[in-house]
Amino acid sequence: MSEPIRISKHIPARTERYEVIWLVPKFQAMNQNWRRIRSRFSYKGDKCWWCKHPFEDGEMMGMMCIKKKGNRVVCQTCAGLIEKGEE
């Protein structure tokens, strides 16, 4: 990715805008080890950060870095849309 992708989400009260620094569409498959490790953190990473789709074991996750938010996991559908620059 040469330049950051900007994404936005309209919530009834406001529109949130984020800058994606990098994106890895096929990061890793969800598994029990991931859930065990992330259970100690406030951000569990057990569902898509963008659309809130809950991950099932074996489902491929994408990883992206959001400016001022850090790393977040996304589902394959959202990763594809973000990679294309769609909101």
Protein backbone atom coordinates (compact mmCIF):
# COMPACT_ATOMS: atom_id res chain seq x y z
CA MET A 1 0.00 0.00 0.00
CA SER A 2 1.64 3.21 -1.13
CA GLU A 3 -0.58 5.71 0.64
CA PRO A 4 -3.02 5.32 3.55
CA ILE A 5 -6.61 4.40 2.80
CA ARG A 6 -9.29 6.46 4.50
CA ILE A 7 -12.47 4.72 5.63
CA SER A 8 -15.56 6.11 7.33
CA LYS A 9 -18.62 4.70 9.06
CA HIS A 10 -21.90 6.57 9.54
CA ILE A 11 -23.45 6.04 12.94
CA PRO A 12 -26.80 7.81 13.52
CA ALA A 13 -25.23 10.36 15.88
CA ARG A 14 -21.96 10.87 14.00
CA THR A 15 -19.61 9.73 11.25
CA GLU A 16 -16.37 8.10 12.36
CA ARG A 17 -13.34 8.41 10.07
CA TYR A 18 -10.17 6.32 10.30
CA GLU A 19 -6.91 6.13 8.41
CA VAL A 20 -5.70 2.62 7.55
CA ILE A 21 -1.90 2.57 7.61
CA TRP A 22 -1.52 -1.03 6.38
CA LEU A 23 -3.70 -4.06 5.75
CA VAL A 24 -2.92 -7.80 5.59
CA PRO A 25 -6.11 -9.38 4.16
CA LYS A 26 -5.19 -12.98 5.09
CA PHE A 27 -3.52 -12.70 8.48
CA GLN A 28 -4.40 -15.91 10.32
CA ALA A 29 -7.24 -18.33 10.99
CA MET A 30 -9.22 -17.87 14.20
CA ASN A 31 -8.51 -20.61 16.75
CA GLN A 32 -8.78 -21.37 20.46
CA ASN A 33 -5.17 -20.33 21.07
CA TRP A 34 -5.92 -16.82 19.69
CA ARG A 35 -9.01 -16.58 21.96
CA ARG A 36 -6.99 -17.74 25.00
CA ILE A 37 -4.20 -15.23 24.42
CA ARG A 38 -6.52 -12.29 23.61
CA SER A 39 -8.81 -13.05 26.61
CA ARG A 40 -6.39 -11.09 28.82
CA PHE A 41 -6.66 -7.91 26.72
CA SER A 42 -9.41 -5.30 26.59
CA TYR A 43 -9.59 -5.69 22.78
CA LYS A 44 -10.45 -9.40 22.42
CA GLY A 45 -10.22 -9.59 18.62
CA ASP A 46 -12.92 -12.27 18.49
CA LYS A 47 -15.11 -10.38 16.00
CA CYS A 48 -14.59 -8.10 13.03
CA TRP A 49 -13.69 -4.62 14.25
CA TRP A 50 -15.57 -2.97 11.37
CA CYS A 51 -18.85 -4.94 10.98
CA LYS A 52 -18.85 -6.85 14.32
CA HIS A 53 -19.18 -10.27 12.60
CA PRO A 54 -18.20 -12.92 15.23
CA PHE A 55 -15.37 -15.17 14.05
CA GLU A 56 -15.77 -18.94 14.09
CA ASP A 57 -12.82 -21.29 14.59
CA GLY A 58 -10.98 -21.80 11.30
CA GLU A 59 -12.28 -18.57 9.75
CA MET A 60 -9.55 -16.43 8.15
CA MET A 61 -9.00 -13.01 9.72
CA GLY A 62 -7.41 -9.93 8.22
CA MET A 63 -5.23 -7.54 10.22
CA MET A 64 -4.99 -3.79 9.74
CA CYS A 65 -3.33 -0.93 11.54
CA ILE A 66 -5.52 2.11 12.22
CA LYS A 67 -3.88 5.44 12.94
CA LYS A 68 -4.34 6.30 16.65
CA LYS A 69 -6.12 2.95 17.30
CA GLY A 70 -3.47 0.33 16.59
CA ASN A 71 -3.91 -3.15 15.12
CA ARG A 72 -7.41 -4.50 14.55
CA VAL A 73 -8.78 -7.72 13.02
CA VAL A 74 -11.36 -7.68 10.24
CA CYS A 75 -13.36 -10.33 8.38
CA GLN A 76 -12.54 -11.21 4.78
CA THR A 77 -15.53 -9.26 3.45
CA CYS A 78 -14.46 -6.04 5.17
CA ALA A 79 -10.79 -6.61 4.30
CA GLY A 80 -11.74 -6.85 0.63
CA LEU A 81 -13.82 -3.66 0.77
CA ILE A 82 -11.13 -1.75 2.67
CA GLU A 83 -8.44 -2.96 0.26
CA LYS A 84 -10.49 -1.58 -2.66
CA GLY A 85 -10.97 1.70 -0.78
CA GLU A 86 -14.72 1.26 -0.40
CA GLU A 87 -16.53 2.17 2.79
